[in-house]
Protein backbone atom coordinates (compact mmCIF):
# COMPACT_ATOMS: atom_id res chain seq x y z
CA UNK A 1 96.11 223.65 -4.64
CA UNK A 2 96.08 220.18 -3.07
CA UNK A 3 98.95 219.59 -0.67
CA UNK A 4 99.60 215.88 -1.06
CA UNK A 5 102.79 214.04 -0.16
CA UNK A 6 105.06 213.12 -3.10
CA UNK A 7 104.49 209.41 -2.47
CA UNK A 8 100.75 209.95 -2.65
CA UNK A 9 101.08 211.87 -5.93
CA UNK A 10 103.25 209.07 -7.36
CA UNK A 11 100.54 206.57 -6.48
CA UNK A 12 97.90 208.78 -8.11
CA UNK A 13 100.03 208.98 -11.26
CA UNK A 14 100.27 205.16 -11.36
CA UNK A 15 96.49 204.93 -10.92
CA UNK A 16 96.02 207.50 -13.69
CA UNK A 17 98.24 205.45 -16.02
CA UNK A 18 96.29 202.28 -15.30
CA UNK A 19 92.95 204.00 -15.86
CA UNK A 20 94.27 205.65 -19.04
CA UNK A 21 95.19 202.20 -20.40
CA UNK A 22 91.68 200.93 -19.58
CA UNK A 23 90.05 203.93 -21.28
CA UNK A 24 92.24 203.44 -24.35
CA UNK A 25 91.41 199.73 -24.50
CA UNK A 26 87.68 200.43 -24.24
CA UNK A 27 87.87 203.03 -27.01
CA UNK A 28 89.74 200.49 -29.15
CA UNK A 29 86.89 197.97 -28.74
CA UNK A 30 84.14 200.45 -29.62
CA UNK A 31 84.57 200.52 -33.44
CA UNK A 32 84.25 196.76 -33.63
CA UNK A 33 81.08 196.72 -31.55
CA UNK A 34 79.66 199.61 -33.56
CA UNK A 35 80.40 197.90 -36.85
CA UNK A 36 79.00 194.59 -35.62
CA UNK A 37 75.82 196.29 -34.46
CA UNK A 38 75.40 197.82 -37.90
CA UNK A 39 76.43 194.93 -40.14
CA UNK A 40 75.52 191.87 -38.04
CA UNK A 41 71.97 192.70 -37.00
CA UNK A 42 70.84 189.10 -37.49
CA UNK A 43 73.18 187.83 -34.75
CA UNK A 44 71.63 186.90 -31.45
CA UNK A 45 74.13 189.15 -29.62
CA UNK A 46 72.97 192.72 -29.10
CA UNK A 47 76.17 194.52 -30.09
CA UNK A 48 74.43 197.89 -29.87
CA UNK A 49 73.75 197.36 -26.17
CA UNK A 50 77.39 196.51 -25.52
CA UNK A 51 78.48 199.54 -27.56
CA UNK A 52 76.21 201.79 -25.47
CA UNK A 53 77.28 200.25 -22.16
CA UNK A 54 80.95 200.82 -22.90
CA UNK A 55 80.26 204.38 -24.09
CA UNK A 56 78.35 205.17 -20.92
CA UNK A 57 81.16 203.63 -18.85
CA UNK A 58 83.78 205.70 -20.66
CA UNK A 59 82.20 208.99 -19.62
CA UNK A 60 82.69 208.64 -15.83
CA UNK A 61 86.11 207.05 -16.36
CA UNK A 62 87.20 210.05 -18.43
CA UNK A 63 85.85 212.39 -15.74
CA UNK A 64 87.90 210.52 -13.14
CA UNK A 65 90.98 210.94 -15.35
CA UNK A 66 90.27 214.65 -15.61
CA UNK A 67 90.01 214.94 -11.83
CA UNK A 68 93.18 212.93 -11.30
CA UNK A 69 95.12 215.37 -13.49
CA UNK A 70 94.64 218.00 -10.77
CA UNK A 71 95.68 215.68 -7.95
CA UNK A 72 98.56 213.80 -9.56
CA UNK A 73 100.46 216.89 -10.79
CA UNK A 74 102.13 215.37 -13.79
CA UNK A 75 105.30 217.03 -15.03
CA UNK A 76 103.37 218.15 -18.11
CA UNK A 77 100.30 219.30 -16.22
CA UNK A 78 98.92 221.71 -18.82
CA UNK A 79 99.23 219.23 -21.69
CA UNK A 80 97.57 216.52 -19.58
CA UNK A 81 94.79 218.91 -18.62
CA UNK A 82 94.12 219.98 -22.21
CA UNK A 83 94.19 216.48 -23.73
CA UNK A 84 92.11 214.94 -20.95
CA UNK A 85 89.61 217.79 -21.24
CA UNK A 86 89.39 217.21 -24.99
CA UNK A 87 88.81 213.52 -24.31
CA UNK A 88 85.91 214.27 -21.95
CA UNK A 89 84.31 216.73 -24.39
CA UNK A 90 84.69 214.33 -27.30
CA UNK A 91 83.16 211.45 -25.33
CA UNK A 92 80.17 213.58 -24.30
CA UNK A 93 79.67 214.65 -27.93
CA UNK A 94 80.13 211.10 -29.14
CA UNK A 95 77.51 209.72 -26.77
CA UNK A 96 75.05 212.42 -27.86
CA UNK A 97 75.69 211.73 -31.53
CA UNK A 98 75.45 208.00 -30.96
CA UNK A 99 71.99 208.17 -29.44
CA UNK A 100 70.85 210.75 -32.01
CA UNK A 101 72.22 208.88 -35.01
CA UNK A 102 69.84 205.93 -34.69
CA UNK A 103 67.42 207.64 -37.06
CA UNK A 104 69.72 210.02 -38.96
CA UNK A 105 72.48 208.84 -41.29
CA UNK A 106 74.00 212.34 -41.40
CA UNK A 107 74.63 212.22 -37.67
CA UNK A 108 76.07 208.73 -38.06
CA UNK A 109 78.47 210.17 -40.62
CA UNK A 110 79.74 212.53 -37.88
CA UNK A 111 79.70 209.81 -35.21
CA UNK A 112 82.32 207.70 -36.96
CA UNK A 113 85.09 210.33 -37.38
CA UNK A 114 84.43 211.66 -33.89
CA UNK A 115 84.99 208.11 -32.67
CA UNK A 116 88.38 208.19 -34.36
CA UNK A 117 89.11 211.46 -32.52
CA UNK A 118 88.08 209.90 -29.19
CA UNK A 119 90.45 207.01 -29.90
CA UNK A 120 93.27 209.46 -30.74
CA UNK A 121 92.65 211.57 -27.62
CA UNK A 122 92.63 208.45 -25.43
CA UNK A 123 95.89 207.32 -27.02
CA UNK A 124 97.57 210.71 -26.47
CA UNK A 125 96.39 210.88 -22.84
CA UNK A 126 97.71 207.39 -22.21
CA UNK A 127 101.06 208.11 -23.87
CA UNK A 128 101.44 211.46 -22.10
CA UNK A 129 100.91 209.71 -18.77
CA UNK A 130 103.88 207.47 -19.64
CA UNK A 131 106.05 210.45 -20.56
CA UNK A 132 105.44 211.08 -24.28
CA UNK A 133 107.26 214.11 -25.66
CA UNK A 134 106.32 215.82 -28.91
CA UNK A 135 108.94 216.50 -31.58
CA UNK A 136 110.76 219.77 -30.98
CA UNK A 137 109.55 219.99 -27.40
CA UNK A 138 112.13 221.03 -24.84
CA UNK A 139 112.71 219.21 -21.57
């Protein structure tokens, strides 16, 4: 598809790994900001705004990861493609639920477990980029 030199692909894989770590770190911060925005409303800090800013930053970062999967050609290309695609879809859904759940507790009840899924997908994408193998998987 894209005829890039091996050195260039290696650099793209390193960039992917770095970005995957950043995405994972941002998803790890999100539950704290979400909880603070819900339980510490009297604080002068607007935790909801920070929660929304990070969520809206995660979306383009995840899209960049998805695009890099095609360019970097990881050894486990299909697994990277599937997990990164799931991450993008979960982030889009999570942002939609987040904005919709301001007035609906039922949607908030879905927002929290989907956030756990986003965290898990980000973790798997990051670990796959560093060479994670699943149990029973052949080399």
